[in-house]
Amino acid sequence: MTLQLLDITVRDKQAHPRLAGRMTGHVRALLSEVAGGQEQTHDLNISVWADMPSESSDTDIEMALMLKAADIIARLKANLGPDEA
């Protein structure tokens, strides 16, 4: 089985209501899985957060949220094991 990240985008983002400097949001990740010769796509919505300096730009915030989501996906793939990823 192979798992490949096709696309990753920030769906929404907002400042945390109580924690200063923390941004929260949702990242959409589109994955392709090939198992047993068949391909299937998975559309995931991942809740993420990042602590950011107050002067961070929207681009920096979106990049931090996407990196958090990519880290979650990497851990998912690692937990599948070498025979399954």
C-alpha atoms as a PDB file:
ATOM      1  CA  MET A   1       0.000   0.000   0.000  1.00  0.00           C
ATOM      2  CA  THR A   2       1.234   3.484  -0.813  1.00  0.00           C
ATOM      3  CA  LEU A   3      -0.129   6.700   0.622  1.00  0.00           C
ATOM      4  CA  GLN A   4       0.617  10.005  -1.110  1.00  0.00           C
ATOM      5  CA  LEU A   5      -0.322  13.586  -0.214  1.00  0.00           C
ATOM      6  CA  LEU A   6      -1.932  15.182  -3.283  1.00  0.00           C
ATOM      7  CA  ASP A   7      -3.051  18.561  -1.934  1.00  0.00           C
ATOM      8  CA  ILE A   8      -3.105  20.490   1.332  1.00  0.00           C
ATOM      9  CA  THR A   9      -4.933  23.779   1.976  1.00  0.00           C
ATOM     10  CA  VAL A  10      -6.112  25.820   4.950  1.00  0.00           C
ATOM     11  CA  ARG A  11      -9.930  25.756   5.148  1.00  0.00           C
ATOM     12  CA  ASP A  12     -10.275  28.274   7.966  1.00  0.00           C
ATOM     13  CA  LYS A  13      -8.232  29.952  10.681  1.00  0.00           C
ATOM     14  CA  GLN A  14      -8.941  32.111  13.706  1.00  0.00           C
ATOM     15  CA  ALA A  15      -7.301  33.365  16.867  1.00  0.00           C
ATOM     16  CA  HIS A  16      -7.876  31.161  19.885  1.00  0.00           C
ATOM     17  CA  PRO A  17     -10.587  32.751  22.055  1.00  0.00           C
ATOM     18  CA  ARG A  18      -8.578  32.509  25.307  1.00  0.00           C
ATOM     19  CA  LEU A  19      -4.910  31.817  24.528  1.00  0.00           C
ATOM     20  CA  ALA A  20      -3.062  34.866  23.217  1.00  0.00           C
ATOM     21  CA  GLY A  21      -0.781  34.114  20.282  1.00  0.00           C
ATOM     22  CA  ARG A  22      -2.418  30.789  19.426  1.00  0.00           C
ATOM     23  CA  MET A  23      -4.090  30.316  16.057  1.00  0.00           C
ATOM     24  CA  THR A  24      -6.475  27.448  15.413  1.00  0.00           C
ATOM     25  CA  GLY A  25      -7.985  26.175  12.204  1.00  0.00           C
ATOM     26  CA  HIS A  26      -8.775  23.309   9.891  1.00  0.00           C
ATOM     27  CA  VAL A  27      -6.599  22.015   7.086  1.00  0.00           C
ATOM     28  CA  ARG A  28      -7.947  19.978   4.177  1.00  0.00           C
ATOM     29  CA  ALA A  29      -5.617  17.219   3.024  1.00  0.00           C
ATOM     30  CA  LEU A  30      -6.268  15.100  -0.051  1.00  0.00           C
ATOM     31  CA  LEU A  31      -4.510  11.735   0.067  1.00  0.00           C
ATOM     32  CA  SER A  32      -4.200   9.013  -2.547  1.00  0.00           C
ATOM     33  CA  GLU A  33      -3.929   5.392  -1.424  1.00  0.00           C
ATOM     34  CA  VAL A  34      -2.995   2.498  -3.656  1.00  0.00           C
ATOM     35  CA  ALA A  35      -3.680  -0.904  -2.129  1.00  0.00           C
ATOM     36  CA  GLY A  36      -4.053  -4.166  -3.973  1.00  0.00           C
ATOM     37  CA  GLY A  37      -3.781  -2.397  -7.305  1.00  0.00           C
ATOM     38  CA  GLN A  38      -6.760  -0.127  -6.581  1.00  0.00           C
ATOM     39  CA  GLU A  39      -6.521   3.611  -6.002  1.00  0.00           C
ATOM     40  CA  GLN A  40      -8.702   5.450  -3.532  1.00  0.00           C
ATOM     41  CA  THR A  41      -8.670   9.106  -2.508  1.00  0.00           C
ATOM     42  CA  HIS A  42      -9.240  10.328   1.043  1.00  0.00           C
ATOM     43  CA  ASP A  43     -10.411  13.869   1.792  1.00  0.00           C
ATOM     44  CA  LEU A  44      -9.377  14.681   5.374  1.00  0.00           C
ATOM     45  CA  ASN A  45     -10.212  17.732   7.487  1.00  0.00           C
ATOM     46  CA  ILE A  46      -7.611  18.077  10.239  1.00  0.00           C
ATOM     47  CA  SER A  47      -7.993  20.347  13.269  1.00  0.00           C
ATOM     48  CA  VAL A  48      -4.690  22.108  14.002  1.00  0.00           C
ATOM     49  CA  TRP A  49      -3.203  24.873  16.152  1.00  0.00           C
ATOM     50  CA  ALA A  50       0.020  26.872  16.191  1.00  0.00           C
ATOM     51  CA  ASP A  51       1.536  29.402  18.566  1.00  0.00           C
ATOM     52  CA  MET A  52       2.492  32.467  16.522  1.00  0.00           C
ATOM     53  CA  PRO A  53       4.116  35.845  17.239  1.00  0.00           C
ATOM     54  CA  SER A  54       1.629  38.732  17.080  1.00  0.00           C
ATOM     55  CA  GLU A  55       3.360  40.226  14.003  1.00  0.00           C
ATOM     56  CA  SER A  56       2.910  37.047  11.897  1.00  0.00           C
ATOM     57  CA  SER A  57       1.468  37.494   8.422  1.00  0.00           C
ATOM     58  CA  ASP A  58      -1.492  35.487   7.105  1.00  0.00           C
ATOM     59  CA  THR A  59       0.925  33.559   4.892  1.00  0.00           C
ATOM     60  CA  ASP A  60       3.096  32.615   7.888  1.00  0.00           C
ATOM     61  CA  ILE A  61       0.048  31.520   9.878  1.00  0.00           C
ATOM     62  CA  GLU A  62      -1.281  29.378   7.023  1.00  0.00           C
ATOM     63  CA  MET A  63       2.153  27.788   6.518  1.00  0.00           C
ATOM     64  CA  ALA A  64       2.411  26.951  10.243  1.00  0.00           C
ATOM     65  CA  LEU A  65      -1.052  25.343  10.223  1.00  0.00           C
ATOM     66  CA  MET A  66      -0.248  23.328   7.073  1.00  0.00           C
ATOM     67  CA  LEU A  67       3.040  22.156   8.619  1.00  0.00           C
ATOM     68  CA  LYS A  68       1.168  20.965  11.711  1.00  0.00           C
ATOM     69  CA  ALA A  69      -1.251  19.021   9.496  1.00  0.00           C
ATOM     70  CA  ALA A  70       1.619  17.573   7.449  1.00  0.00           C
ATOM     71  CA  ASP A  71       3.242  16.411  10.705  1.00  0.00           C
ATOM     72  CA  ILE A  72       0.001  14.670  11.715  1.00  0.00           C
ATOM     73  CA  ILE A  73      -0.147  12.941   8.311  1.00  0.00           C
ATOM     74  CA  ALA A  74       3.516  11.864   8.616  1.00  0.00           C
ATOM     75  CA  ARG A  75       2.794  10.317  12.035  1.00  0.00           C
ATOM     76  CA  LEU A  76      -0.222   8.512  10.555  1.00  0.00           C
ATOM     77  CA  LYS A  77       1.931   7.072   7.777  1.00  0.00           C
ATOM     78  CA  ALA A  78       4.637   6.050  10.291  1.00  0.00           C
ATOM     79  CA  ASN A  79       2.063   4.233  12.420  1.00  0.00           C
ATOM     80  CA  LEU A  80       0.912   2.236   9.403  1.00  0.00           C
ATOM     81  CA  GLY A  81       4.340   0.603   9.385  1.00  0.00           C
ATOM     82  CA  PRO A  82       6.802  -0.013   6.543  1.00  0.00           C
ATOM     83  CA  ASP A  83       4.734  -2.843   5.050  1.00  0.00           C
ATOM     84  CA  GLU A  84       1.566  -0.740   4.913  1.00  0.00           C
ATOM     85  CA  ALA A  85       2.738   2.826   4.063  1.00  0.00           C
END
